[in-house]
C-alpha atoms as a PDB file:
ATOM      1  CA  UNK A   1      57.917 119.945  59.727  1.00  0.00           C
ATOM      2  CA  UNK A   2      57.305 117.564  62.473  1.00  0.00           C
ATOM      3  CA  UNK A   3      57.984 119.197  66.341  1.00  0.00           C
ATOM      4  CA  UNK A   4      60.720 117.828  68.477  1.00  0.00           C
ATOM      5  CA  UNK A   5      58.284 118.155  71.238  1.00  0.00           C
ATOM      6  CA  UNK A   6      54.950 116.474  71.799  1.00  0.00           C
ATOM      7  CA  UNK A   7      53.855 117.538  75.250  1.00  0.00           C
ATOM      8  CA  UNK A   8      53.152 113.814  75.817  1.00  0.00           C
ATOM      9  CA  UNK A   9      55.896 113.311  78.033  1.00  0.00           C
ATOM     10  CA  UNK A  10      55.249 116.365  80.425  1.00  0.00           C
ATOM     11  CA  UNK A  11      53.607 113.541  83.154  1.00  0.00           C
ATOM     12  CA  UNK A  12      56.972 111.807  83.467  1.00  0.00           C
ATOM     13  CA  UNK A  13      55.604 109.157  80.869  1.00  0.00           C
ATOM     14  CA  UNK A  14      57.285 108.084  77.579  1.00  0.00           C
ATOM     15  CA  UNK A  15      56.444 105.910  74.911  1.00  0.00           C
ATOM     16  CA  UNK A  16      57.562 102.671  73.646  1.00  0.00           C
ATOM     17  CA  UNK A  17      57.828 101.312  69.762  1.00  0.00           C
ATOM     18  CA  UNK A  18      54.729  99.314  70.597  1.00  0.00           C
ATOM     19  CA  UNK A  19      53.035 102.397  71.479  1.00  0.00           C
ATOM     20  CA  UNK A  20      52.498 101.646  75.345  1.00  0.00           C
ATOM     21  CA  UNK A  21      53.611 104.363  77.790  1.00  0.00           C
ATOM     22  CA  UNK A  22      55.822 103.768  80.808  1.00  0.00           C
ATOM     23  CA  UNK A  23      57.359 106.192  83.300  1.00  0.00           C
ATOM     24  CA  UNK A  24      60.456 107.530  81.989  1.00  0.00           C
ATOM     25  CA  UNK A  25      62.633 106.090  85.082  1.00  0.00           C
ATOM     26  CA  UNK A  26      61.089 102.440  83.832  1.00  0.00           C
ATOM     27  CA  UNK A  27      64.083  99.988  83.946  1.00  0.00           C
ATOM     28  CA  UNK A  28      63.814  99.646  80.294  1.00  0.00           C
ATOM     29  CA  UNK A  29      63.896 103.459  79.533  1.00  0.00           C
ATOM     30  CA  UNK A  30      67.151 103.286  81.828  1.00  0.00           C
ATOM     31  CA  UNK A  31      68.656 100.305  79.755  1.00  0.00           C
ATOM     32  CA  UNK A  32      68.342 102.057  76.208  1.00  0.00           C
ATOM     33  CA  UNK A  33      69.176 105.104  77.861  1.00  0.00           C
ATOM     34  CA  UNK A  34      72.375 103.951  78.782  1.00  0.00           C
ATOM     35  CA  UNK A  35      72.881 102.669  75.523  1.00  0.00           C
ATOM     36  CA  UNK A  36      72.366 105.933  73.935  1.00  0.00           C
ATOM     37  CA  UNK A  37      74.943 107.455  76.445  1.00  0.00           C
ATOM     38  CA  UNK A  38      77.371 104.926  75.688  1.00  0.00           C
ATOM     39  CA  UNK A  39      76.782 105.918  71.754  1.00  0.00           C
ATOM     40  CA  UNK A  40      77.355 109.618  72.492  1.00  0.00           C
ATOM     41  CA  UNK A  41      80.499 109.109  74.235  1.00  0.00           C
ATOM     42  CA  UNK A  42      81.580 106.625  71.774  1.00  0.00           C
ATOM     43  CA  UNK A  43      80.878 109.666  69.080  1.00  0.00           C
ATOM     44  CA  UNK A  44      83.131 112.163  71.114  1.00  0.00           C
ATOM     45  CA  UNK A  45      85.667 109.538  71.786  1.00  0.00           C
ATOM     46  CA  UNK A  46      85.695 109.037  67.880  1.00  0.00           C
ATOM     47  CA  UNK A  47      86.267 113.006  67.515  1.00  0.00           C
ATOM     48  CA  UNK A  48      89.790 112.771  69.505  1.00  0.00           C
ATOM     49  CA  UNK A  49      90.491 108.764  68.490  1.00  0.00           C
ATOM     50  CA  UNK A  50      94.409 109.103  67.071  1.00  0.00           C
ATOM     51  CA  UNK A  51      93.810 106.271  64.615  1.00  0.00           C
ATOM     52  CA  UNK A  52      91.376 106.737  61.799  1.00  0.00           C
ATOM     53  CA  UNK A  53      90.901 103.044  61.935  1.00  0.00           C
ATOM     54  CA  UNK A  54      89.594 103.421  65.369  1.00  0.00           C
ATOM     55  CA  UNK A  55      87.161 105.980  64.800  1.00  0.00           C
ATOM     56  CA  UNK A  56      85.692 104.233  61.924  1.00  0.00           C
ATOM     57  CA  UNK A  57      85.106 101.247  64.046  1.00  0.00           C
ATOM     58  CA  UNK A  58      83.521 103.437  66.648  1.00  0.00           C
ATOM     59  CA  UNK A  59      81.015 104.793  63.945  1.00  0.00           C
ATOM     60  CA  UNK A  60      80.090 101.138  63.058  1.00  0.00           C
ATOM     61  CA  UNK A  61      79.600 100.733  66.665  1.00  0.00           C
ATOM     62  CA  UNK A  62      77.173 103.284  66.923  1.00  0.00           C
ATOM     63  CA  UNK A  63      74.928 102.235  64.414  1.00  0.00           C
ATOM     64  CA  UNK A  64      74.730  98.769  66.188  1.00  0.00           C
ATOM     65  CA  UNK A  65      74.024 100.588  69.350  1.00  0.00           C
ATOM     66  CA  UNK A  66      71.088 102.239  67.531  1.00  0.00           C
ATOM     67  CA  UNK A  67      69.735  98.608  67.027  1.00  0.00           C
ATOM     68  CA  UNK A  68      70.035  97.823  70.625  1.00  0.00           C
ATOM     69  CA  UNK A  69      68.452 100.665  71.670  1.00  0.00           C
ATOM     70  CA  UNK A  70      65.558  99.811  69.270  1.00  0.00           C
ATOM     71  CA  UNK A  71      65.486  95.988  70.742  1.00  0.00           C
ATOM     72  CA  UNK A  72      65.159  97.341  74.290  1.00  0.00           C
ATOM     73  CA  UNK A  73      62.847 100.161  73.645  1.00  0.00           C
ATOM     74  CA  UNK A  74      60.165  97.367  71.818  1.00  0.00           C
ATOM     75  CA  UNK A  75      58.684  95.163  74.330  1.00  0.00           C
ATOM     76  CA  UNK A  76      57.322  92.986  71.138  1.00  0.00           C
ATOM     77  CA  UNK A  77      60.958  92.649  69.682  1.00  0.00           C
ATOM     78  CA  UNK A  78      61.414  89.131  68.403  1.00  0.00           C
ATOM     79  CA  UNK A  79      57.362  88.409  68.325  1.00  0.00           C
ATOM     80  CA  UNK A  80      56.905  89.964  65.247  1.00  0.00           C
ATOM     81  CA  UNK A  81      59.455  90.613  61.730  1.00  0.00           C
ATOM     82  CA  UNK A  82      61.802  93.546  62.416  1.00  0.00           C
ATOM     83  CA  UNK A  83      63.705  95.748  60.107  1.00  0.00           C
ATOM     84  CA  UNK A  84      67.137  94.635  59.198  1.00  0.00           C
ATOM     85  CA  UNK A  85      68.872  97.725  60.609  1.00  0.00           C
ATOM     86  CA  UNK A  86      67.372  96.795  64.322  1.00  0.00           C
ATOM     87  CA  UNK A  87      69.217  93.320  64.384  1.00  0.00           C
ATOM     88  CA  UNK A  88      72.483  92.672  65.853  1.00  0.00           C
ATOM     89  CA  UNK A  89      74.053  89.693  64.454  1.00  0.00           C
ATOM     90  CA  UNK A  90      76.186  87.087  65.908  1.00  0.00           C
ATOM     91  CA  UNK A  91      78.832  87.972  63.667  1.00  0.00           C
ATOM     92  CA  UNK A  92      79.366  91.424  65.339  1.00  0.00           C
ATOM     93  CA  UNK A  93      80.315  89.238  68.305  1.00  0.00           C
ATOM     94  CA  UNK A  94      83.254  87.555  66.476  1.00  0.00           C
ATOM     95  CA  UNK A  95      84.193  90.743  64.711  1.00  0.00           C
ATOM     96  CA  UNK A  96      84.659  92.369  68.236  1.00  0.00           C
ATOM     97  CA  UNK A  97      86.866  89.108  69.210  1.00  0.00           C
ATOM     98  CA  UNK A  98      89.190  89.334  66.004  1.00  0.00           C
ATOM     99  CA  UNK A  99      89.382  92.962  66.513  1.00  0.00           C
ATOM    100  CA  UNK A 100      90.422  92.452  70.574  1.00  0.00           C
ATOM    101  CA  UNK A 101      92.963  89.698  69.396  1.00  0.00           C
ATOM    102  CA  UNK A 102      94.418  91.715  67.211  1.00  0.00           C
ATOM    103  CA  UNK A 103      94.940  94.972  68.968  1.00  0.00           C
ATOM    104  CA  UNK A 104      95.701  92.995  72.121  1.00  0.00           C
ATOM    105  CA  UNK A 105      99.010  91.446  69.891  1.00  0.00           C
ATOM    106  CA  UNK A 106     100.375  95.154  69.773  1.00  0.00           C
ATOM    107  CA  UNK A 107     100.313  95.698  73.339  1.00  0.00           C
ATOM    108  CA  UNK A 108     101.820  94.526  76.278  1.00  0.00           C
ATOM    109  CA  UNK A 109     100.259  92.085  78.782  1.00  0.00           C
ATOM    110  CA  UNK A 110      98.603  93.709  81.924  1.00  0.00           C
ATOM    111  CA  UNK A 111     100.434  92.868  85.026  1.00  0.00           C
ATOM    112  CA  UNK A 112      97.413  94.157  87.178  1.00  0.00           C
ATOM    113  CA  UNK A 113      94.690  97.065  86.992  1.00  0.00           C
ATOM    114  CA  UNK A 114      95.822 100.210  85.252  1.00  0.00           C
ATOM    115  CA  UNK A 115      94.354 103.909  85.656  1.00  0.00           C
ATOM    116  CA  UNK A 116      91.738 104.876  83.023  1.00  0.00           C
ATOM    117  CA  UNK A 117      93.638 107.880  81.607  1.00  0.00           C
ATOM    118  CA  UNK A 118      96.092 108.983  79.071  1.00  0.00           C
ATOM    119  CA  UNK A 119      95.376 110.930  75.647  1.00  0.00           C
ATOM    120  CA  UNK A 120      92.081 112.497  75.046  1.00  0.00           C
ATOM    121  CA  UNK A 121      90.992 109.610  72.858  1.00  0.00           C
ATOM    122  CA  UNK A 122      91.931 106.944  75.166  1.00  0.00           C
ATOM    123  CA  UNK A 123      90.722 108.769  78.300  1.00  0.00           C
ATOM    124  CA  UNK A 124      87.480 108.801  76.573  1.00  0.00           C
ATOM    125  CA  UNK A 125      87.227 105.450  75.668  1.00  0.00           C
ATOM    126  CA  UNK A 126      87.780 104.090  79.133  1.00  0.00           C
ATOM    127  CA  UNK A 127      84.817 106.304  79.842  1.00  0.00           C
ATOM    128  CA  UNK A 128      82.641 104.629  77.296  1.00  0.00           C
ATOM    129  CA  UNK A 129      83.959 101.430  78.617  1.00  0.00           C
ATOM    130  CA  UNK A 130      82.980 102.586  82.223  1.00  0.00           C
ATOM    131  CA  UNK A 131      79.117 103.652  80.651  1.00  0.00           C
ATOM    132  CA  UNK A 132      78.851 100.305  78.590  1.00  0.00           C
ATOM    133  CA  UNK A 133      79.250  98.599  81.658  1.00  0.00           C
ATOM    134  CA  UNK A 134      76.579 100.584  83.521  1.00  0.00           C
ATOM    135  CA  UNK A 135      74.249  99.997  80.379  1.00  0.00           C
ATOM    136  CA  UNK A 136      75.169  96.015  80.568  1.00  0.00           C
ATOM    137  CA  UNK A 137      74.196  96.155  84.169  1.00  0.00           C
ATOM    138  CA  UNK A 138      70.954  97.720  83.451  1.00  0.00           C
ATOM    139  CA  UNK A 139      70.154  95.380  80.618  1.00  0.00           C
ATOM    140  CA  UNK A 140      70.826  92.570  82.738  1.00  0.00           C
ATOM    141  CA  UNK A 141      68.342  93.752  85.194  1.00  0.00           C
ATOM    142  CA  UNK A 142      65.485  94.587  82.696  1.00  0.00           C
ATOM    143  CA  UNK A 143      66.281  90.774  81.469  1.00  0.00           C
ATOM    144  CA  UNK A 144      65.055  89.631  85.093  1.00  0.00           C
ATOM    145  CA  UNK A 145      61.809  91.310  84.699  1.00  0.00           C
ATOM    146  CA  UNK A 146      61.175  91.026  80.849  1.00  0.00           C
ATOM    147  CA  UNK A 147      62.589  89.060  77.796  1.00  0.00           C
ATOM    148  CA  UNK A 148      65.496  90.595  76.183  1.00  0.00           C
ATOM    149  CA  UNK A 149      67.340  88.831  73.622  1.00  0.00           C
ATOM    150  CA  UNK A 150      70.446  86.957  74.673  1.00  0.00           C
ATOM    151  CA  UNK A 151      72.540  88.715  71.873  1.00  0.00           C
ATOM    152  CA  UNK A 152      72.118  91.966  73.434  1.00  0.00           C
ATOM    153  CA  UNK A 153      73.922  91.213  76.835  1.00  0.00           C
ATOM    154  CA  UNK A 154      76.522  89.229  75.183  1.00  0.00           C
ATOM    155  CA  UNK A 155      77.054  92.590  72.595  1.00  0.00           C
ATOM    156  CA  UNK A 156      77.426  94.666  75.404  1.00  0.00           C
ATOM    157  CA  UNK A 157      79.819  92.581  77.637  1.00  0.00           C
ATOM    158  CA  UNK A 158      82.149  91.867  74.594  1.00  0.00           C
ATOM    159  CA  UNK A 159      81.801  95.783  73.838  1.00  0.00           C
ATOM    160  CA  UNK A 160      82.977  96.672  76.854  1.00  0.00           C
ATOM    161  CA  UNK A 161      85.986  94.492  76.749  1.00  0.00           C
ATOM    162  CA  UNK A 162      86.588  95.906  73.269  1.00  0.00           C
ATOM    163  CA  UNK A 163      86.564  99.647  74.716  1.00  0.00           C
ATOM    164  CA  UNK A 164      88.840  98.848  77.437  1.00  0.00           C
ATOM    165  CA  UNK A 165      91.635  97.413  74.381  1.00  0.00           C
ATOM    166  CA  UNK A 166      90.909 100.293  72.339  1.00  0.00           C
ATOM    167  CA  UNK A 167      91.703 102.746  74.589  1.00  0.00           C
ATOM    168  CA  UNK A 168      94.762 100.721  75.345  1.00  0.00           C
ATOM    169  CA  UNK A 169      95.346 100.730  71.772  1.00  0.00           C
ATOM    170  CA  UNK A 170      94.967 104.721  71.385  1.00  0.00           C
ATOM    171  CA  UNK A 171      97.604 105.252  74.415  1.00  0.00           C
ATOM    172  CA  UNK A 172      99.897 103.402  72.850  1.00  0.00           C
ATOM    173  CA  UNK A 173      99.534 105.208  69.360  1.00  0.00           C
ATOM    174  CA  UNK A 174      99.589 108.209  71.343  1.00  0.00           C
ATOM    175  CA  UNK A 175     102.973 107.864  72.796  1.00  0.00           C
ATOM    176  CA  UNK A 176     101.035 107.182  76.572  1.00  0.00           C
ATOM    177  CA  UNK A 177     102.116 104.807  78.873  1.00  0.00           C
ATOM    178  CA  UNK A 178      99.691 103.181  80.961  1.00  0.00           C
ATOM    179  CA  UNK A 179      99.807 103.698  84.585  1.00  0.00           C
ATOM    180  CA  UNK A 180      99.540 100.723  86.788  1.00  0.00           C
ATOM    181  CA  UNK A 181      97.815 100.910  89.989  1.00  0.00           C
END
């Protein structure tokens, strides 16, 4: 059985997919670490989701986020063949947009900002949305230094929109009112 600890990071460095080592606070590590955090928050949000359809969607998004993290952790991604599971297809963006449109049809129109609160599931989805936006900012910072697949930025941008809408849906289906600011 492989041990979980390697001791290679005891000097404050970590290994990337291509074998290079970088400091653990490298912008690349910050970017994929934030993506990992989004996934973890979605795991908790799914456990509290009122709607099984929402919980199922979050599980699929977590799989996508593993692919996003894999791309960010591989400095050579896109320059050599990659496993299918590490790719994010443009169709996922279209699927997010369709979900947003479908869910927004059942929501009252926004007339301003709302507070990020409500049911447990909605509150966690609001948290996931803010963590997603931070991850997106880190990915944009990384993209100023190295090549990042454009689909990754687009995916994270659309995901934050979807998470905001899903939080509102969870509140509506959970009987909570959105509280205007």
